[in-house]
Amino acid sequence: MAQQTTHEGRDKMNKAEQAGSQALDKGKQALDKAKDAAGHAISGAGEAITGAVDSGAASVGGGMKSLAGTLRDQGPHEGMLGDATATVAKTIEQGGRYLEKEGVTGMAEDLGEMIKKNPVPAVLVAIGVGFLLGQLTSSRS
């Protein structure tokens, strides 16, 4: 009986992982589109493109909220796995709401404000990210 319950839990987690993987792939595609749109905005397309990027971010946010619902529906509902699934779904849903509400423009503004309020940690994070990117690019050469 315990083995069957464990097997069912693993099956549900596998389904949730598959749904999450599919949603992440869709999110990556949408973010690639948003990145392309941002590149056009930088090259002079102006506010119209910025609106498209924000719209793309809102679309990604909607997808994230949909993923959260899928995780809640298909994931385990009881025990430690149920708690973990609920927490992940809640976090993804909150991120989706933020993207829908703020868009890329709002995210950039929030990031700017955070850097102004916390300049030293921001510089340290930037140094760390730069180091990691340097390690990644030098290991591929």
C-alpha atoms as a PDB file:
ATOM      1  CA  MET A   1       0.000   0.000   0.000  1.00  0.00           C
ATOM      2  CA  ALA A   2       2.805   2.416   0.943  1.00  0.00           C
ATOM      3  CA  GLN A   3       4.666   1.543  -2.254  1.00  0.00           C
ATOM      4  CA  GLN A   4       1.565   2.276  -4.327  1.00  0.00           C
ATOM      5  CA  THR A   5       1.096   5.637  -2.586  1.00  0.00           C
ATOM      6  CA  THR A   6       4.775   6.466  -3.137  1.00  0.00           C
ATOM      7  CA  HIS A   7       4.484   5.414  -6.786  1.00  0.00           C
ATOM      8  CA  GLU A   8       1.362   7.560  -7.250  1.00  0.00           C
ATOM      9  CA  GLY A   9       3.144  10.494  -5.625  1.00  0.00           C
ATOM     10  CA  ARG A  10       6.091  10.074  -7.971  1.00  0.00           C
ATOM     11  CA  ASP A  11       3.758   9.875 -10.961  1.00  0.00           C
ATOM     12  CA  LYS A  12       2.051  13.098  -9.905  1.00  0.00           C
ATOM     13  CA  MET A  13       5.390  14.823  -9.345  1.00  0.00           C
ATOM     14  CA  ASN A  14       6.565  13.623 -12.785  1.00  0.00           C
ATOM     15  CA  LYS A  15       3.408  15.066 -14.347  1.00  0.00           C
ATOM     16  CA  ALA A  16       3.907  18.329 -12.471  1.00  0.00           C
ATOM     17  CA  GLU A  17       7.548  18.448 -13.589  1.00  0.00           C
ATOM     18  CA  GLN A  18       6.512  17.825 -17.192  1.00  0.00           C
ATOM     19  CA  ALA A  19       3.890  20.564 -16.996  1.00  0.00           C
ATOM     20  CA  GLY A  20       6.439  22.877 -15.415  1.00  0.00           C
ATOM     21  CA  SER A  21       8.996  22.052 -18.078  1.00  0.00           C
ATOM     22  CA  GLN A  22       6.498  22.754 -20.848  1.00  0.00           C
ATOM     23  CA  ALA A  23       5.498  26.040 -19.233  1.00  0.00           C
ATOM     24  CA  LEU A  24       9.141  27.026 -18.807  1.00  0.00           C
ATOM     25  CA  ASP A  25       9.774  26.267 -22.483  1.00  0.00           C
ATOM     26  CA  LYS A  26       6.828  28.464 -23.419  1.00  0.00           C
ATOM     27  CA  GLY A  27       8.085  31.122 -21.048  1.00  0.00           C
ATOM     28  CA  LYS A  28      11.549  30.984 -22.601  1.00  0.00           C
ATOM     29  CA  GLN A  29      10.036  31.370 -26.050  1.00  0.00           C
ATOM     30  CA  ALA A  30       7.966  34.314 -24.908  1.00  0.00           C
ATOM     31  CA  LEU A  31      10.972  35.887 -23.200  1.00  0.00           C
ATOM     32  CA  ASP A  32      13.025  35.397 -26.369  1.00  0.00           C
ATOM     33  CA  LYS A  33      10.310  37.246 -28.259  1.00  0.00           C
ATOM     34  CA  ALA A  34      10.305  39.970 -25.611  1.00  0.00           C
ATOM     35  CA  LYS A  35      14.098  40.177 -25.802  1.00  0.00           C
ATOM     36  CA  ASP A  36      13.924  40.560 -29.566  1.00  0.00           C
ATOM     37  CA  ALA A  37      11.304  43.258 -29.135  1.00  0.00           C
ATOM     38  CA  ALA A  38      13.536  44.995 -26.567  1.00  0.00           C
ATOM     39  CA  GLY A  39      16.411  44.920 -29.049  1.00  0.00           C
ATOM     40  CA  HIS A  40      14.245  46.681 -31.585  1.00  0.00           C
ATOM     41  CA  ALA A  41      13.270  49.259 -28.955  1.00  0.00           C
ATOM     42  CA  ILE A  42      16.930  49.967 -28.240  1.00  0.00           C
ATOM     43  CA  SER A  43      17.602  50.498 -31.931  1.00  0.00           C
ATOM     44  CA  GLY A  44      15.108  53.341 -32.026  1.00  0.00           C
ATOM     45  CA  ALA A  45      11.628  51.866 -32.390  1.00  0.00           C
ATOM     46  CA  GLY A  46      10.529  53.804 -29.301  1.00  0.00           C
ATOM     47  CA  GLU A  47       7.539  53.525 -27.066  1.00  0.00           C
ATOM     48  CA  ALA A  48       5.497  51.313 -29.402  1.00  0.00           C
ATOM     49  CA  ILE A  49       8.003  48.496 -28.991  1.00  0.00           C
ATOM     50  CA  THR A  50       8.209  49.062 -25.247  1.00  0.00           C
ATOM     51  CA  GLY A  51       4.472  48.521 -25.140  1.00  0.00           C
ATOM     52  CA  ALA A  52       4.902  45.287 -27.084  1.00  0.00           C
ATOM     53  CA  VAL A  53       7.567  44.111 -24.629  1.00  0.00           C
ATOM     54  CA  ASP A  54       5.300  44.912 -21.718  1.00  0.00           C
ATOM     55  CA  SER A  55       2.513  43.065 -23.486  1.00  0.00           C
ATOM     56  CA  GLY A  56       4.838  40.085 -23.971  1.00  0.00           C
ATOM     57  CA  ALA A  57       5.750  40.178 -20.296  1.00  0.00           C
ATOM     58  CA  ALA A  58       2.051  40.254 -19.421  1.00  0.00           C
ATOM     59  CA  SER A  59       1.577  37.230 -21.671  1.00  0.00           C
ATOM     60  CA  VAL A  60       4.392  35.410 -19.858  1.00  0.00           C
ATOM     61  CA  GLY A  61       2.780  36.404 -16.569  1.00  0.00           C
ATOM     62  CA  GLY A  62      -0.506  34.879 -17.698  1.00  0.00           C
ATOM     63  CA  GLY A  63       1.334  31.702 -18.672  1.00  0.00           C
ATOM     64  CA  MET A  64       2.951  31.559 -15.252  1.00  0.00           C
ATOM     65  CA  LYS A  65      -0.420  31.882 -13.574  1.00  0.00           C
ATOM     66  CA  SER A  66      -1.733  29.098 -15.799  1.00  0.00           C
ATOM     67  CA  LEU A  67       1.239  26.918 -14.824  1.00  0.00           C
ATOM     68  CA  ALA A  68       0.488  27.552 -11.153  1.00  0.00           C
ATOM     69  CA  GLY A  69      -3.068  26.338 -11.693  1.00  0.00           C
ATOM     70  CA  THR A  70      -1.821  23.238 -13.518  1.00  0.00           C
ATOM     71  CA  LEU A  71       0.574  22.447 -10.674  1.00  0.00           C
ATOM     72  CA  ARG A  72      -2.227  22.797  -8.161  1.00  0.00           C
ATOM     73  CA  ASP A  73      -4.526  20.546 -10.200  1.00  0.00           C
ATOM     74  CA  GLN A  74      -2.055  17.835 -11.184  1.00  0.00           C
ATOM     75  CA  GLY A  75       0.352  17.878  -8.253  1.00  0.00           C
ATOM     76  CA  PRO A  76      -0.036  16.015  -4.997  1.00  0.00           C
ATOM     77  CA  HIS A  77      -2.413  17.609  -2.515  1.00  0.00           C
ATOM     78  CA  GLU A  78      -1.309  16.024   0.743  1.00  0.00           C
ATOM     79  CA  GLY A  79       1.853  15.533   2.721  1.00  0.00           C
ATOM     80  CA  MET A  80       5.236  17.086   2.176  1.00  0.00           C
ATOM     81  CA  LEU A  81       4.970  16.941  -1.623  1.00  0.00           C
ATOM     82  CA  GLY A  82       1.573  18.595  -1.463  1.00  0.00           C
ATOM     83  CA  ASP A  83       2.980  21.410   0.666  1.00  0.00           C
ATOM     84  CA  ALA A  84       5.933  21.853  -1.695  1.00  0.00           C
ATOM     85  CA  THR A  85       3.659  21.885  -4.743  1.00  0.00           C
ATOM     86  CA  ALA A  86       1.372  24.469  -3.143  1.00  0.00           C
ATOM     87  CA  THR A  87       4.337  26.698  -2.246  1.00  0.00           C
ATOM     88  CA  VAL A  88       5.837  26.480  -5.734  1.00  0.00           C
ATOM     89  CA  ALA A  89       2.444  27.164  -7.332  1.00  0.00           C
ATOM     90  CA  LYS A  90       1.879  30.184  -5.074  1.00  0.00           C
ATOM     91  CA  THR A  91       5.316  31.621  -5.872  1.00  0.00           C
ATOM     92  CA  ILE A  92       4.886  31.132  -9.621  1.00  0.00           C
ATOM     93  CA  GLU A  93       1.433  32.717  -9.464  1.00  0.00           C
ATOM     94  CA  GLN A  94       2.760  35.759  -7.559  1.00  0.00           C
ATOM     95  CA  GLY A  95       5.531  36.168 -10.139  1.00  0.00           C
ATOM     96  CA  GLY A  96       2.971  35.945 -12.923  1.00  0.00           C
ATOM     97  CA  ARG A  97       0.802  38.602 -11.316  1.00  0.00           C
ATOM     98  CA  TYR A  98       3.829  40.866 -10.931  1.00  0.00           C
ATOM     99  CA  LEU A  99       4.773  40.461 -14.603  1.00  0.00           C
ATOM    100  CA  GLU A 100       1.208  41.123 -15.724  1.00  0.00           C
ATOM    101  CA  LYS A 101       0.916  44.219 -13.566  1.00  0.00           C
ATOM    102  CA  GLU A 102       4.374  45.777 -13.970  1.00  0.00           C
ATOM    103  CA  GLY A 103       5.667  44.531 -17.310  1.00  0.00           C
ATOM    104  CA  VAL A 104       9.296  44.968 -18.318  1.00  0.00           C
ATOM    105  CA  THR A 105       9.162  48.736 -17.811  1.00  0.00           C
ATOM    106  CA  GLY A 106       7.938  48.382 -14.237  1.00  0.00           C
ATOM    107  CA  MET A 107      10.527  45.702 -13.524  1.00  0.00           C
ATOM    108  CA  ALA A 108      13.319  48.003 -14.758  1.00  0.00           C
ATOM    109  CA  GLU A 109      12.011  50.828 -12.580  1.00  0.00           C
ATOM    110  CA  ASP A 110      11.785  48.540  -9.540  1.00  0.00           C
ATOM    111  CA  LEU A 111      15.316  47.278 -10.168  1.00  0.00           C
ATOM    112  CA  GLY A 112      16.596  50.846 -10.432  1.00  0.00           C
ATOM    113  CA  GLU A 113      14.946  51.763  -7.141  1.00  0.00           C
ATOM    114  CA  MET A 114      16.346  48.673  -5.440  1.00  0.00           C
ATOM    115  CA  ILE A 115      19.865  49.520  -6.656  1.00  0.00           C
ATOM    116  CA  LYS A 116      19.487  53.122  -5.406  1.00  0.00           C
ATOM    117  CA  LYS A 117      18.385  51.897  -1.979  1.00  0.00           C
ATOM    118  CA  ASN A 118      21.036  49.137  -1.746  1.00  0.00           C
ATOM    119  CA  PRO A 119      24.066  50.152  -3.836  1.00  0.00           C
ATOM    120  CA  VAL A 120      26.725  48.034  -2.098  1.00  0.00           C
ATOM    121  CA  PRO A 121      24.828  44.724  -2.316  1.00  0.00           C
ATOM    122  CA  ALA A 122      23.917  45.570  -5.924  1.00  0.00           C
ATOM    123  CA  VAL A 123      27.593  46.062  -6.819  1.00  0.00           C
ATOM    124  CA  LEU A 124      28.525  42.816  -5.052  1.00  0.00           C
ATOM    125  CA  VAL A 125      25.811  40.917  -6.912  1.00  0.00           C
ATOM    126  CA  ALA A 126      26.964  42.444 -10.209  1.00  0.00           C
ATOM    127  CA  ILE A 127      30.555  41.378  -9.479  1.00  0.00           C
ATOM    128  CA  GLY A 128      29.397  37.858  -8.633  1.00  0.00           C
ATOM    129  CA  VAL A 129      27.280  37.577 -11.775  1.00  0.00           C
ATOM    130  CA  GLY A 130      30.157  38.924 -13.859  1.00  0.00           C
ATOM    131  CA  PHE A 131      32.521  36.372 -12.329  1.00  0.00           C
ATOM    132  CA  LEU A 132      30.107  33.513 -13.028  1.00  0.00           C
ATOM    133  CA  LEU A 133      29.552  34.655 -16.610  1.00  0.00           C
ATOM    134  CA  GLY A 134      33.314  34.920 -17.062  1.00  0.00           C
ATOM    135  CA  GLN A 135      33.756  31.377 -15.769  1.00  0.00           C
ATOM    136  CA  LEU A 136      31.027  30.073 -18.061  1.00  0.00           C
ATOM    137  CA  THR A 137      32.381  31.766 -21.158  1.00  0.00           C
ATOM    138  CA  SER A 138      36.014  30.852 -20.475  1.00  0.00           C
ATOM    139  CA  SER A 139      35.156  27.166 -19.924  1.00  0.00           C
ATOM    140  CA  ARG A 140      33.417  26.991 -23.317  1.00  0.00           C
ATOM    141  CA  SER A 141      36.449  28.277 -25.226  1.00  0.00           C
END
